[in-house]
Amino acid sequence: MPEYDAFGREIGEDTLAGWRSGASSQPEALPQPDPVPAAPVPEPATPTPAPGPAVATAGGAATADPVATATAQDTTMADALRTPIRPSMSLPRRRRRSGVRWILALVVLFVAVRFVIGVTGEIRDAVRDIDLPAVTVPTPDAPEVAPTGLGAGSLLRPAAFERAIADLRERGIGRIQTLRLAPERIDVSLLTRRGTLVSAQIRAGGELRRFAESGAGFGALETISYARLDADAPRRLVRAAAGRLGRPVTRIDYLVATYTSGELSWGAYFKGGAIFLGDARGRITRRVS
């Protein structure tokens, strides 16, 4: 029984015997179609080599070395491909000049302070050399205490009242038309020869103050004669009226002399509203309130 190999062929069989025989033994070849010409493949563009380092020739002219140029281009392209492209996040740095400005400002300030100190010292030395006159500060006088009632300095006392009336008469301003008497002052209205009225005041210390003067036309008014004024009449009336009221004489406010129909009378006005009338000698005639 025949034996076969691993490919199914009989061992000892000549598989190429048919091919070794003549053309008669070969089968008739089938007609083949004409071959289609292949499309031309474009050749890749050759990059222009960058100029490499110059190589001196025998003639003295420098020519570029093509091998070195190609090597340098390959190395540059390889490095460029290997280096990753990273966006730059850094901002342009500003020039810091603030420190210089501060230093200049401090220098200017120091120079200015030194200049001011020097000028101040010169002014201080100049002022020390000036002899200033001694200044005397006036001491304020003690406030004047106004007299009250029939106490010291009161114009209700006979001597003080008589002295004030005599001084007023000697001045020759005019005749008395009205008179108001208080412990601290005398207020009068004087009728001048021109028919005008002058307002004046006599203080407890003897000072005479003259105020405004009116226009003419008052010449027909009645006046009080200086001779009719009794210097003791004000004190007498005040004491009698204060006794009736049961109050001290310091409660008197003022007195008024009135001349009507040839008669001189006094009115005493106390603090609190009490009023007493008296004659030319200061005797009480009646109580008004």
Protein backbone atom coordinates (compact mmCIF):
# COMPACT_ATOMS: atom_id res chain seq x y z
CA MET A 1 0.00 0.00 0.00
CA PRO A 2 1.51 3.41 -1.02
CA GLU A 3 2.75 5.89 1.71
CA TYR A 4 2.03 9.62 1.66
CA ASP A 5 3.91 12.57 3.13
CA ALA A 6 2.58 15.37 5.24
CA PHE A 7 1.26 17.33 2.19
CA GLY A 8 -0.71 14.31 0.82
CA ARG A 9 1.73 13.45 -1.84
CA GLU A 10 2.76 9.84 -2.48
CA ILE A 11 6.26 9.19 -1.40
CA GLY A 12 8.52 8.73 -4.45
CA GLU A 13 6.15 10.49 -6.87
CA ASP A 14 7.80 13.11 -9.18
CA THR A 15 5.48 16.11 -9.03
CA LEU A 16 7.44 18.09 -11.61
CA ALA A 17 7.38 15.44 -14.32
CA GLY A 18 4.64 17.17 -16.23
CA TRP A 19 6.59 20.38 -16.42
CA ARG A 20 9.66 18.81 -17.82
CA SER A 21 7.87 17.48 -20.93
CA GLY A 22 7.58 19.48 -24.23
CA ALA A 23 5.23 22.14 -25.26
CA SER A 24 2.84 19.55 -26.56
CA SER A 25 2.27 18.30 -23.16
CA GLN A 26 1.57 21.80 -21.74
CA PRO A 27 -1.90 23.19 -21.80
CA GLU A 28 -2.73 26.02 -24.21
CA ALA A 29 -2.03 29.45 -22.69
CA LEU A 30 -4.95 31.77 -22.37
CA PRO A 31 -4.70 35.23 -23.97
CA GLN A 32 -3.63 37.94 -21.49
CA PRO A 33 -4.86 41.56 -21.58
CA ASP A 34 -2.49 44.40 -22.43
CA PRO A 35 -0.72 45.86 -19.39
CA VAL A 36 -1.99 49.31 -18.21
CA PRO A 37 0.86 51.77 -17.90
CA ALA A 38 1.31 52.94 -14.27
CA ALA A 39 0.75 56.63 -13.38
CA PRO A 40 3.99 58.55 -12.92
CA VAL A 41 4.85 59.11 -9.24
CA PRO A 42 6.11 62.67 -8.56
CA GLU A 43 9.49 62.83 -7.01
CA PRO A 44 9.70 64.49 -3.53
CA ALA A 45 10.99 68.04 -3.48
CA THR A 46 14.48 68.27 -2.32
CA PRO A 47 14.91 71.00 0.38
CA THR A 48 17.36 73.68 -0.41
CA PRO A 49 20.30 73.27 1.94
CA ALA A 50 21.19 76.24 4.12
CA PRO A 51 24.64 77.63 3.58
CA GLY A 52 27.09 75.84 5.77
CA PRO A 53 30.44 76.86 7.01
CA ALA A 54 32.77 78.13 4.29
CA VAL A 55 35.57 75.82 3.18
CA ALA A 56 38.68 77.35 1.74
CA THR A 57 39.69 75.96 -1.65
CA ALA A 58 43.03 75.89 -3.35
CA GLY A 59 42.20 78.97 -5.38
CA GLY A 60 41.58 81.03 -2.16
CA ALA A 61 37.76 81.30 -2.65
CA ALA A 62 35.56 80.20 0.24
CA THR A 63 32.84 77.65 -0.62
CA ALA A 64 30.17 76.13 1.61
CA ASP A 65 30.70 72.60 2.81
CA PRO A 66 27.63 70.59 1.63
CA VAL A 67 28.12 67.84 4.19
CA ALA A 68 28.39 70.25 7.15
CA THR A 69 25.43 72.25 5.87
CA ALA A 70 23.18 69.21 5.61
CA THR A 71 24.25 67.97 9.04
CA ALA A 72 23.50 71.35 10.65
CA GLN A 73 20.07 71.48 9.02
CA ASP A 74 19.18 67.97 10.16
CA THR A 75 20.30 68.76 13.71
CA THR A 76 18.32 72.04 13.83
CA MET A 77 15.14 70.39 12.53
CA ALA A 78 15.49 67.49 14.95
CA ASP A 79 15.91 69.84 17.92
CA ALA A 80 12.94 71.89 16.80
CA LEU A 81 10.76 68.80 16.58
CA ARG A 82 11.87 67.52 19.97
CA THR A 83 11.36 70.86 21.75
CA PRO A 84 7.71 71.25 22.87
CA ILE A 85 6.05 74.55 22.11
CA ARG A 86 4.70 76.10 25.34
CA PRO A 87 2.77 79.34 25.52
CA SER A 88 4.56 82.04 27.50
CA MET A 89 2.56 83.17 30.55
CA SER A 90 5.05 85.70 31.86
CA LEU A 91 4.21 89.40 31.63
CA PRO A 92 6.74 92.02 30.67
CA ARG A 93 8.54 93.30 33.72
CA ARG A 94 8.07 96.89 34.70
CA ARG A 95 11.00 98.97 35.57
CA ARG A 96 10.92 99.68 39.25
CA ARG A 97 11.80 103.29 39.77
CA SER A 98 9.77 103.85 42.95
CA GLY A 99 12.78 103.18 45.14
CA VAL A 100 14.82 105.82 43.37
CA ARG A 101 11.98 108.32 43.63
CA TRP A 102 11.62 107.71 47.35
CA ILE A 103 15.32 108.22 47.87
CA LEU A 104 15.22 111.51 45.94
CA ALA A 105 12.17 112.66 47.94
CA LEU A 106 13.90 111.89 51.24
CA VAL A 107 17.00 113.77 50.16
CA VAL A 108 14.94 116.84 49.18
CA LEU A 109 13.03 116.69 52.48
CA PHE A 110 16.24 116.42 54.47
CA VAL A 111 17.73 119.44 52.72
CA ALA A 112 14.53 121.45 53.29
CA VAL A 113 14.44 120.58 57.00
CA ARG A 114 18.05 121.56 57.45
CA PHE A 115 17.39 124.87 55.70
CA VAL A 116 14.35 125.62 57.88
CA ILE A 117 16.27 124.75 61.05
CA GLY A 118 19.11 127.01 60.04
CA VAL A 119 16.80 129.95 59.24
CA THR A 120 14.87 129.42 62.49
CA GLY A 121 18.08 129.45 64.50
CA GLU A 122 19.20 132.70 62.87
CA ILE A 123 15.82 134.33 63.56
CA ARG A 124 15.92 133.16 67.18
CA ASP A 125 19.40 134.62 67.66
CA ALA A 126 18.33 137.90 66.06
CA VAL A 127 15.29 138.13 68.31
CA ARG A 128 17.41 137.54 71.39
CA ASP A 129 19.59 140.48 70.48
CA ILE A 130 16.61 142.87 70.30
CA ASP A 131 15.90 144.80 73.47
CA LEU A 132 12.15 145.00 73.86
CA PRO A 133 10.67 147.74 76.01
CA ALA A 134 8.93 146.67 79.14
CA VAL A 135 5.18 146.46 78.70
CA THR A 136 3.03 147.40 81.62
CA VAL A 137 -0.30 145.66 81.70
CA PRO A 138 -2.89 147.86 83.35
CA THR A 139 -4.58 146.26 86.30
CA PRO A 140 -8.35 146.37 85.92
CA ASP A 141 -10.03 148.50 88.51
CA ALA A 142 -12.33 146.87 90.96
CA PRO A 143 -15.95 147.06 89.88
CA GLU A 144 -17.69 150.11 91.27
CA VAL A 145 -20.23 149.26 93.92
CA ALA A 146 -23.30 151.44 93.49
CA PRO A 147 -24.49 153.05 96.73
CA THR A 148 -27.91 152.18 98.06
CA GLY A 149 -30.40 153.93 100.36
CA LEU A 150 -28.79 156.54 102.59
CA GLY A 151 -25.43 154.75 102.83
CA ALA A 152 -21.95 156.11 102.12
CA GLY A 153 -21.68 157.83 98.73
CA SER A 154 -25.44 158.04 98.23
CA LEU A 155 -26.68 161.22 96.54
CA LEU A 156 -29.75 161.12 98.84
CA ARG A 157 -27.58 162.39 101.68
CA PRO A 158 -27.84 166.18 102.08
CA ALA A 159 -24.14 167.04 101.63
CA ALA A 160 -23.77 164.94 98.45
CA PHE A 161 -27.01 166.25 96.94
CA GLU A 162 -26.16 169.89 97.67
CA ARG A 163 -22.66 169.53 96.18
CA ALA A 164 -23.98 167.97 92.94
CA ILE A 165 -26.62 170.69 92.47
CA ALA A 166 -24.04 173.45 93.07
CA ASP A 167 -21.71 171.94 90.47
CA LEU A 168 -24.53 171.71 87.93
CA ARG A 169 -25.50 175.37 88.52
CA GLU A 170 -21.92 176.60 88.09
CA ARG A 171 -21.66 175.00 84.67
CA GLY A 172 -24.34 177.37 83.35
CA ILE A 173 -25.92 174.88 80.97
CA GLY A 174 -29.49 175.91 81.80
CA ARG A 175 -32.33 175.78 84.32
CA ILE A 176 -33.71 172.50 85.71
CA GLN A 177 -36.84 171.38 83.90
CA THR A 178 -37.03 167.79 85.29
CA LEU A 179 -34.99 166.03 88.00
CA ARG A 180 -34.76 162.36 88.92
CA LEU A 181 -32.71 161.51 92.01
CA ALA A 182 -31.35 158.01 92.84
CA PRO A 183 -28.66 156.91 95.32
CA GLU A 184 -26.12 156.38 92.50
CA ARG A 185 -26.96 159.22 90.03
CA ILE A 186 -28.97 162.33 89.16
CA ASP A 187 -30.70 162.61 85.75
CA VAL A 188 -31.75 166.12 84.72
CA SER A 189 -33.24 167.89 81.74
CA LEU A 190 -31.96 171.48 81.39
CA LEU A 191 -33.70 174.28 79.48
CA THR A 192 -31.16 176.46 77.74
CA ARG A 193 -31.49 180.14 76.78
CA ARG A 194 -31.97 179.06 73.17
CA GLY A 195 -35.15 177.21 74.13
CA THR A 196 -33.59 173.75 73.74
CA LEU A 197 -33.49 170.86 76.20
CA VAL A 198 -30.19 169.22 77.17
CA SER A 199 -30.06 165.79 78.81
CA ALA A 200 -27.32 165.39 81.44
CA GLN A 201 -26.33 163.02 84.23
CA ILE A 202 -24.30 163.38 87.43
CA ARG A 203 -22.74 160.23 88.88
CA ALA A 204 -22.21 159.55 92.58
CA GLY A 205 -18.47 160.22 92.17
CA GLY A 206 -19.15 163.75 90.81
CA GLU A 207 -18.76 162.98 87.04
CA LEU A 208 -21.03 165.01 84.76
CA ARG A 209 -22.15 163.46 81.47
CA ARG A 210 -23.88 165.52 78.82
CA PHE A 211 -26.06 163.78 76.24
CA ALA A 212 -28.29 164.91 73.38
CA GLU A 213 -29.78 168.35 72.85
CA SER A 214 -33.19 168.91 71.32
CA GLY A 215 -34.31 171.55 68.89
CA ALA A 216 -35.61 175.00 69.88
CA GLY A 217 -39.20 175.68 70.90
CA PHE A 218 -39.33 174.71 74.59
CA GLY A 219 -38.78 178.17 76.07
CA ALA A 220 -42.30 178.35 77.63
CA LEU A 221 -41.81 175.30 79.89
CA GLU A 222 -41.74 175.80 83.68
CA THR A 223 -38.40 175.21 85.41
CA ILE A 224 -37.23 174.47 88.95
CA SER A 225 -35.24 177.18 90.63
CA TYR A 226 -31.95 176.03 92.15
CA ALA A 227 -32.79 178.06 95.30
CA ARG A 228 -36.04 176.11 95.84
CA LEU A 229 -34.26 172.80 96.20
CA ASP A 230 -33.93 171.78 99.87
CA ALA A 231 -30.87 169.51 100.23
CA ASP A 232 -32.38 167.67 103.22
CA ALA A 233 -35.83 167.06 101.65
CA PRO A 234 -34.95 163.74 99.90
CA ARG A 235 -33.51 162.14 103.06
CA ARG A 236 -36.43 163.28 105.21
CA LEU A 237 -39.05 161.89 102.82
CA VAL A 238 -37.32 158.53 102.42
CA ARG A 239 -36.98 157.94 106.15
CA ALA A 240 -40.60 158.84 106.84
CA ALA A 241 -41.97 156.67 104.02
CA ALA A 242 -39.80 153.68 104.93
CA GLY A 243 -41.01 153.97 108.53
CA ARG A 244 -44.64 153.77 107.42
CA LEU A 245 -43.93 150.77 105.24
CA GLY A 246 -41.92 149.05 107.93
CA ARG A 247 -39.08 148.49 105.50
CA PRO A 248 -35.40 149.58 105.47
CA VAL A 249 -34.38 152.73 103.59
CA THR A 250 -32.34 150.54 101.21
CA ARG A 251 -35.68 149.66 99.53
CA ILE A 252 -35.90 153.15 98.01
CA ASP A 253 -35.50 153.12 94.24
CA TYR A 254 -35.56 156.84 93.23
CA LEU A 255 -37.24 160.23 93.81
CA VAL A 256 -38.67 162.75 91.33
CA ALA A 257 -38.90 166.53 91.80
CA THR A 258 -41.91 168.20 90.12
CA TYR A 259 -42.70 171.89 89.76
CA THR A 260 -46.34 172.64 88.92
CA SER A 261 -48.21 175.96 89.30
CA GLY A 262 -45.39 177.44 91.36
CA GLU A 263 -45.32 174.52 93.80
CA LEU A 264 -42.40 172.11 94.24
CA SER A 265 -43.17 168.52 95.30
CA TRP A 266 -41.33 165.22 95.65
CA GLY A 267 -42.39 161.67 94.82
CA ALA A 268 -40.65 158.71 96.50
CA TYR A 269 -40.76 155.40 94.59
CA PHE A 270 -39.84 152.23 96.50
CA LYS A 271 -38.89 148.82 95.16
CA GLY A 272 -42.01 146.73 95.10
CA GLY A 273 -44.36 149.50 93.90
CA ALA A 274 -45.02 151.71 96.98
CA ILE A 275 -45.23 155.48 96.18
CA PHE A 276 -45.35 158.41 98.59
CA LEU A 277 -45.76 162.13 97.82
CA GLY A 278 -44.10 164.92 99.83
CA ASP A 279 -43.85 168.70 99.81
CA ALA A 280 -40.76 170.87 99.10
CA ARG A 281 -39.37 170.17 102.59
CA GLY A 282 -39.80 166.37 102.27
CA ARG A 283 -42.85 165.95 104.54
CA ILE A 284 -45.32 163.23 103.50
CA THR A 285 -48.54 164.59 102.00
CA ARG A 286 -50.12 161.29 100.95
CA ARG A 287 -49.48 157.71 99.86
CA VAL A 288 -50.34 156.87 96.28
CA SER A 289 -49.85 153.11 96.36
